[in-house]
PDB file of all heavy atoms in Angstrom:
ATOM      1  N   CYS A   1      -4.625   4.973   4.254  1.00  0.00           N
ATOM      2  CA  CYS A   1      -3.464   4.322   4.835  1.00  0.00           C
ATOM      3  C   CYS A   1      -2.232   5.054   4.340  1.00  0.00           C
ATOM      4  O   CYS A   1      -1.932   5.035   3.142  1.00  0.00           O
ATOM      5  CB  CYS A   1      -3.419   2.846   4.428  1.00  0.00           C
ATOM      6  SG  CYS A   1      -1.941   1.967   4.990  1.00  0.00           S
ATOM      7  N   ALA A   2      -1.541   5.720   5.244  1.00  0.00           N
ATOM      8  CA  ALA A   2      -0.331   6.452   4.901  1.00  0.00           C
ATOM      9  C   ALA A   2       0.880   5.597   5.225  1.00  0.00           C
ATOM     10  O   ALA A   2       1.072   5.194   6.375  1.00  0.00           O
ATOM     11  CB  ALA A   2      -0.275   7.772   5.665  1.00  0.00           C
ATOM     12  N   ALA A   3       1.680   5.306   4.226  1.00  0.00           N
ATOM     13  CA  ALA A   3       2.876   4.493   4.389  1.00  0.00           C
ATOM     14  C   ALA A   3       4.117   5.366   4.324  1.00  0.00           C
ATOM     15  O   ALA A   3       4.172   6.334   3.559  1.00  0.00           O
ATOM     16  CB  ALA A   3       2.942   3.405   3.321  1.00  0.00           C
ATOM     17  N   SER A   4       5.096   5.021   5.118  1.00  0.00           N
ATOM     18  CA  SER A   4       6.349   5.750   5.125  1.00  0.00           C
ATOM     19  C   SER A   4       7.504   4.775   5.315  1.00  0.00           C
ATOM     20  O   SER A   4       7.306   3.613   5.651  1.00  0.00           O
ATOM     21  CB  SER A   4       6.368   6.819   6.221  1.00  0.00           C
ATOM     22  OG  SER A   4       6.210   6.231   7.504  1.00  0.00           O
ATOM     23  N   GLY A   5       8.702   5.260   5.127  1.00  0.00           N
ATOM     24  CA  GLY A   5       9.878   4.421   5.216  1.00  0.00           C
ATOM     25  C   GLY A   5      10.281   3.924   3.842  1.00  0.00           C
ATOM     26  O   GLY A   5      10.208   4.664   2.860  1.00  0.00           O
ATOM     27  N   ARG A   6      10.668   2.667   3.767  1.00  0.00           N
ATOM     28  CA  ARG A   6      11.121   2.074   2.515  1.00  0.00           C
ATOM     29  C   ARG A   6       9.931   1.590   1.694  1.00  0.00           C
ATOM     30  O   ARG A   6       9.755   0.388   1.455  1.00  0.00           O
ATOM     31  CB  ARG A   6      12.101   0.944   2.805  1.00  0.00           C
ATOM     32  CG  ARG A   6      13.386   1.419   3.486  1.00  0.00           C
ATOM     33  CD  ARG A   6      14.250   0.265   3.960  1.00  0.00           C
ATOM     34  NE  ARG A   6      14.646  -0.631   2.895  1.00  0.00           N
ATOM     35  CZ  ARG A   6      15.707  -0.466   2.103  1.00  0.00           C
ATOM     36  NH1 ARG A   6      16.491   0.596   2.258  1.00  0.00           N
ATOM     37  NH2 ARG A   6      15.985  -1.350   1.168  1.00  0.00           N
ATOM     38  N   THR A   7       9.117   2.545   1.260  1.00  0.00           N
ATOM     39  CA  THR A   7       7.881   2.185   0.568  1.00  0.00           C
ATOM     40  C   THR A   7       8.132   1.544  -0.785  1.00  0.00           C
ATOM     41  O   THR A   7       7.239   0.885  -1.321  1.00  0.00           O
ATOM     42  CB  THR A   7       6.968   3.402   0.411  1.00  0.00           C
ATOM     43  OG1 THR A   7       7.662   4.436  -0.292  1.00  0.00           O
ATOM     44  CG2 THR A   7       6.531   3.925   1.772  1.00  0.00           C
ATOM     45  N   PHE A   8       9.307   1.724  -1.344  1.00  0.00           N
ATOM     46  CA  PHE A   8       9.604   1.093  -2.630  1.00  0.00           C
ATOM     47  C   PHE A   8       9.690  -0.420  -2.520  1.00  0.00           C
ATOM     48  O   PHE A   8       9.684  -1.111  -3.539  1.00  0.00           O
ATOM     49  CB  PHE A   8      10.893   1.658  -3.237  1.00  0.00           C
ATOM     50  CG  PHE A   8      12.135   1.325  -2.473  1.00  0.00           C
ATOM     51  CD1 PHE A   8      12.857   0.185  -2.761  1.00  0.00           C
ATOM     52  CD2 PHE A   8      12.589   2.158  -1.465  1.00  0.00           C
ATOM     53  CE1 PHE A   8      14.013  -0.125  -2.066  1.00  0.00           C
ATOM     54  CE2 PHE A   8      13.743   1.864  -0.758  1.00  0.00           C
ATOM     55  CZ  PHE A   8      14.451   0.715  -1.058  1.00  0.00           C
ATOM     56  N   THR A   9       9.775  -0.944  -1.301  1.00  0.00           N
ATOM     57  CA  THR A   9       9.818  -2.391  -1.101  1.00  0.00           C
ATOM     58  C   THR A   9       8.426  -3.012  -0.992  1.00  0.00           C
ATOM     59  O   THR A   9       8.311  -4.231  -0.887  1.00  0.00           O
ATOM     60  CB  THR A   9      10.609  -2.751   0.162  1.00  0.00           C
ATOM     61  OG1 THR A   9       9.918  -2.283   1.334  1.00  0.00           O
ATOM     62  CG2 THR A   9      12.003  -2.114   0.122  1.00  0.00           C
ATOM     63  N   ILE A  10       7.380  -2.195  -1.011  1.00  0.00           N
ATOM     64  CA  ILE A  10       6.024  -2.709  -0.884  1.00  0.00           C
ATOM     65  C   ILE A  10       5.597  -3.387  -2.181  1.00  0.00           C
ATOM     66  O   ILE A  10       5.737  -2.812  -3.256  1.00  0.00           O
ATOM     67  CB  ILE A  10       5.032  -1.585  -0.525  1.00  0.00           C
ATOM     68  CG1 ILE A  10       5.386  -0.964   0.825  1.00  0.00           C
ATOM     69  CG2 ILE A  10       3.599  -2.124  -0.515  1.00  0.00           C
ATOM     70  CD1 ILE A  10       4.544   0.243   1.180  1.00  0.00           C
ATOM     71  N   ILE A  11       5.056  -4.588  -2.068  1.00  0.00           N
ATOM     72  CA  ILE A  11       4.543  -5.292  -3.240  1.00  0.00           C
ATOM     73  C   ILE A  11       3.028  -5.450  -3.208  1.00  0.00           C
ATOM     74  O   ILE A  11       2.423  -5.784  -4.231  1.00  0.00           O
ATOM     75  CB  ILE A  11       5.208  -6.672  -3.418  1.00  0.00           C
ATOM     76  CG1 ILE A  11       4.938  -7.569  -2.212  1.00  0.00           C
ATOM     77  CG2 ILE A  11       6.703  -6.507  -3.653  1.00  0.00           C
ATOM     78  CD1 ILE A  11       5.429  -8.994  -2.400  1.00  0.00           C
ATOM     79  N   ALA A  12       2.407  -5.218  -2.062  1.00  0.00           N
ATOM     80  CA  ALA A  12       0.958  -5.269  -1.955  1.00  0.00           C
ATOM     81  C   ALA A  12       0.542  -4.576  -0.672  1.00  0.00           C
ATOM     82  O   ALA A  12       1.313  -4.488   0.285  1.00  0.00           O
ATOM     83  CB  ALA A  12       0.432  -6.702  -1.970  1.00  0.00           C
ATOM     84  N   MET A  13      -0.681  -4.085  -0.653  1.00  0.00           N
ATOM     85  CA  MET A  13      -1.244  -3.488   0.549  1.00  0.00           C
ATOM     86  C   MET A  13      -2.588  -4.135   0.831  1.00  0.00           C
ATOM     87  O   MET A  13      -3.415  -4.276  -0.077  1.00  0.00           O
ATOM     88  CB  MET A  13      -1.411  -1.981   0.390  1.00  0.00           C
ATOM     89  CG  MET A  13      -1.787  -1.267   1.682  1.00  0.00           C
ATOM     90  SD  MET A  13      -0.418  -1.190   2.868  1.00  0.00           S
ATOM     91  CE  MET A  13       0.577   0.110   2.119  1.00  0.00           C
ATOM     92  N   ASP A  14      -2.777  -4.524   2.069  1.00  0.00           N
ATOM     93  CA  ASP A  14      -4.001  -5.187   2.496  1.00  0.00           C
ATOM     94  C   ASP A  14      -4.745  -4.336   3.514  1.00  0.00           C
ATOM     95  O   ASP A  14      -4.141  -3.601   4.303  1.00  0.00           O
ATOM     96  CB  ASP A  14      -3.701  -6.538   3.153  1.00  0.00           C
ATOM     97  CG  ASP A  14      -3.101  -7.549   2.205  1.00  0.00           C
ATOM     98  OD1 ASP A  14      -3.240  -7.376   0.976  1.00  0.00           O
ATOM     99  OD2 ASP A  14      -2.497  -8.521   2.699  1.00  0.00           O
ATOM    100  N   TRP A  15      -6.059  -4.454   3.500  1.00  0.00           N
ATOM    101  CA  TRP A  15      -6.905  -3.941   4.566  1.00  0.00           C
ATOM    102  C   TRP A  15      -7.495  -5.120   5.329  1.00  0.00           C
ATOM    103  O   TRP A  15      -7.960  -6.087   4.716  1.00  0.00           O
ATOM    104  CB  TRP A  15      -8.036  -3.070   4.029  1.00  0.00           C
ATOM    105  CG  TRP A  15      -7.616  -1.691   3.641  1.00  0.00           C
ATOM    106  CD1 TRP A  15      -7.299  -1.241   2.399  1.00  0.00           C
ATOM    107  CD2 TRP A  15      -7.484  -0.563   4.514  1.00  0.00           C
ATOM    108  NE1 TRP A  15      -6.975   0.084   2.430  1.00  0.00           N
ATOM    109  CE2 TRP A  15      -7.081   0.531   3.718  1.00  0.00           C
ATOM    110  CE3 TRP A  15      -7.671  -0.361   5.885  1.00  0.00           C
ATOM    111  CZ2 TRP A  15      -6.854   1.801   4.258  1.00  0.00           C
ATOM    112  CZ3 TRP A  15      -7.445   0.900   6.412  1.00  0.00           C
ATOM    113  CH2 TRP A  15      -7.044   1.958   5.607  1.00  0.00           C
ATOM    114  N   PHE A  16      -7.461  -5.030   6.648  1.00  0.00           N
ATOM    115  CA  PHE A  16      -8.073  -5.993   7.542  1.00  0.00           C
ATOM    116  C   PHE A  16      -9.052  -5.263   8.451  1.00  0.00           C
ATOM    117  O   PHE A  16      -9.011  -4.035   8.558  1.00  0.00           O
ATOM    118  CB  PHE A  16      -7.029  -6.704   8.407  1.00  0.00           C
ATOM    119  CG  PHE A  16      -6.127  -7.640   7.663  1.00  0.00           C
ATOM    120  CD1 PHE A  16      -5.071  -7.161   6.906  1.00  0.00           C
ATOM    121  CD2 PHE A  16      -6.319  -9.012   7.730  1.00  0.00           C
ATOM    122  CE1 PHE A  16      -4.228  -8.023   6.228  1.00  0.00           C
ATOM    123  CE2 PHE A  16      -5.482  -9.884   7.065  1.00  0.00           C
ATOM    124  CZ  PHE A  16      -4.437  -9.386   6.305  1.00  0.00           C
ATOM    125  N   ARG A  17      -9.896  -6.019   9.116  1.00  0.00           N
ATOM    126  CA  ARG A  17     -10.761  -5.433  10.125  1.00  0.00           C
ATOM    127  C   ARG A  17     -10.958  -6.415  11.266  1.00  0.00           C
ATOM    128  O   ARG A  17     -10.852  -7.622  11.095  1.00  0.00           O
ATOM    129  CB  ARG A  17     -12.112  -5.012   9.541  1.00  0.00           C
ATOM    130  CG  ARG A  17     -12.971  -6.155   9.032  1.00  0.00           C
ATOM    131  CD  ARG A  17     -14.217  -5.603   8.358  1.00  0.00           C
ATOM    132  NE  ARG A  17     -15.089  -6.653   7.862  1.00  0.00           N
ATOM    133  CZ  ARG A  17     -16.179  -6.429   7.139  1.00  0.00           C
ATOM    134  NH1 ARG A  17     -16.530  -5.176   6.824  1.00  0.00           N
ATOM    135  NH2 ARG A  17     -16.926  -7.450   6.722  1.00  0.00           N
ATOM    136  N   GLN A  18     -11.248  -5.873  12.426  1.00  0.00           N
ATOM    137  CA  GLN A  18     -11.450  -6.692  13.607  1.00  0.00           C
ATOM    138  C   GLN A  18     -12.579  -6.103  14.439  1.00  0.00           C
ATOM    139  O   GLN A  18     -12.487  -4.978  14.912  1.00  0.00           O
ATOM    140  CB  GLN A  18     -10.176  -6.782  14.439  1.00  0.00           C
ATOM    141  CG  GLN A  18     -10.273  -7.743  15.607  1.00  0.00           C
ATOM    142  CD  GLN A  18      -8.926  -7.991  16.257  1.00  0.00           C
ATOM    143  OE1 GLN A  18      -8.009  -7.178  16.137  1.00  0.00           O
ATOM    144  NE2 GLN A  18      -8.798  -9.114  16.932  1.00  0.00           N
ATOM    145  N   ALA A  19     -13.628  -6.886  14.593  1.00  0.00           N
ATOM    146  CA  ALA A  19     -14.752  -6.507  15.435  1.00  0.00           C
ATOM    147  C   ALA A  19     -14.524  -7.046  16.839  1.00  0.00           C
ATOM    148  O   ALA A  19     -13.784  -8.018  17.030  1.00  0.00           O
ATOM    149  CB  ALA A  19     -16.056  -7.054  14.859  1.00  0.00           C
ATOM    150  N   PRO A  20     -15.141  -6.442  17.849  1.00  0.00           N
ATOM    151  CA  PRO A  20     -14.964  -6.918  19.215  1.00  0.00           C
ATOM    152  C   PRO A  20     -15.292  -8.400  19.356  1.00  0.00           C
ATOM    153  O   PRO A  20     -16.328  -8.859  18.872  1.00  0.00           O
ATOM    154  CB  PRO A  20     -15.933  -6.062  20.026  1.00  0.00           C
ATOM    155  CG  PRO A  20     -16.062  -4.806  19.230  1.00  0.00           C
ATOM    156  CD  PRO A  20     -16.006  -5.249  17.797  1.00  0.00           C
ATOM    157  N   GLY A  21     -14.399  -9.139  19.996  1.00  0.00           N
ATOM    158  CA  GLY A  21     -14.619 -10.548  20.222  1.00  0.00           C
ATOM    159  C   GLY A  21     -14.379 -11.438  19.023  1.00  0.00           C
ATOM    160  O   GLY A  21     -14.615 -12.648  19.112  1.00  0.00           O
ATOM    161  N   LYS A  22     -13.916 -10.879  17.914  1.00  0.00           N
ATOM    162  CA  LYS A  22     -13.683 -11.655  16.712  1.00  0.00           C
ATOM    163  C   LYS A  22     -12.225 -11.539  16.278  1.00  0.00           C
ATOM    164  O   LYS A  22     -11.512 -10.606  16.662  1.00  0.00           O
ATOM    165  CB  LYS A  22     -14.596 -11.195  15.574  1.00  0.00           C
ATOM    166  CG  LYS A  22     -16.080 -11.346  15.860  1.00  0.00           C
ATOM    167  CD  LYS A  22     -16.920 -10.966  14.663  1.00  0.00           C
ATOM    168  CE  LYS A  22     -16.724 -11.928  13.510  1.00  0.00           C
ATOM    169  NZ  LYS A  22     -17.604 -11.597  12.354  1.00  0.00           N
ATOM    170  N   GLU A  23     -11.805 -12.508  15.483  1.00  0.00           N
ATOM    171  CA  GLU A  23     -10.459 -12.471  14.932  1.00  0.00           C
ATOM    172  C   GLU A  23     -10.357 -11.418  13.843  1.00  0.00           C
ATOM    173  O   GLU A  23     -11.346 -11.064  13.190  1.00  0.00           O
ATOM    174  CB  GLU A  23     -10.084 -13.839  14.365  1.00  0.00           C
ATOM    175  CG  GLU A  23      -9.965 -14.941  15.407  1.00  0.00           C
ATOM    176  CD  GLU A  23      -8.798 -14.718  16.332  1.00  0.00           C
ATOM    177  OE1 GLU A  23      -7.733 -14.262  15.863  1.00  0.00           O
ATOM    178  OE2 GLU A  23      -8.937 -14.993  17.525  1.00  0.00           O
ATOM    179  N   ARG A  24      -9.158 -10.914  13.653  1.00  0.00           N
ATOM    180  CA  ARG A  24      -8.914  -9.989  12.567  1.00  0.00           C
ATOM    181  C   ARG A  24      -9.092 -10.723  11.239  1.00  0.00           C
ATOM    182  O   ARG A  24      -8.575 -11.828  11.058  1.00  0.00           O
ATOM    183  CB  ARG A  24      -7.510  -9.406  12.682  1.00  0.00           C
ATOM    184  CG  ARG A  24      -7.241  -8.221  11.779  1.00  0.00           C
ATOM    185  CD  ARG A  24      -5.979  -7.477  12.228  1.00  0.00           C
ATOM    186  NE  ARG A  24      -6.117  -6.966  13.587  1.00  0.00           N
ATOM    187  CZ  ARG A  24      -5.193  -6.242  14.208  1.00  0.00           C
ATOM    188  NH1 ARG A  24      -4.066  -5.944  13.586  1.00  0.00           N
ATOM    189  NH2 ARG A  24      -5.402  -5.823  15.448  1.00  0.00           N
ATOM    190  N   GLU A  25      -9.821 -10.113  10.318  1.00  0.00           N
ATOM    191  CA  GLU A  25     -10.125 -10.763   9.060  1.00  0.00           C
ATOM    192  C   GLU A  25      -9.699  -9.913   7.877  1.00  0.00           C
ATOM    193  O   GLU A  25      -9.693  -8.682   7.927  1.00  0.00           O
ATOM    194  CB  GLU A  25     -11.622 -11.095   8.950  1.00  0.00           C
ATOM    195  CG  GLU A  25     -12.520  -9.881   8.843  1.00  0.00           C
ATOM    196  CD  GLU A  25     -13.979 -10.238   8.599  1.00  0.00           C
ATOM    197  OE1 GLU A  25     -14.287 -11.436   8.465  1.00  0.00           O
ATOM    198  OE2 GLU A  25     -14.811  -9.307   8.544  1.00  0.00           O
TER     199      GLU A  25
END
């Protein structure tokens, strides 16, 4: 995951995933 911009404001990074027909989890 490449982040750009005001990255100094980031306090956490999350990974999510979404399978076909399912909600993002």
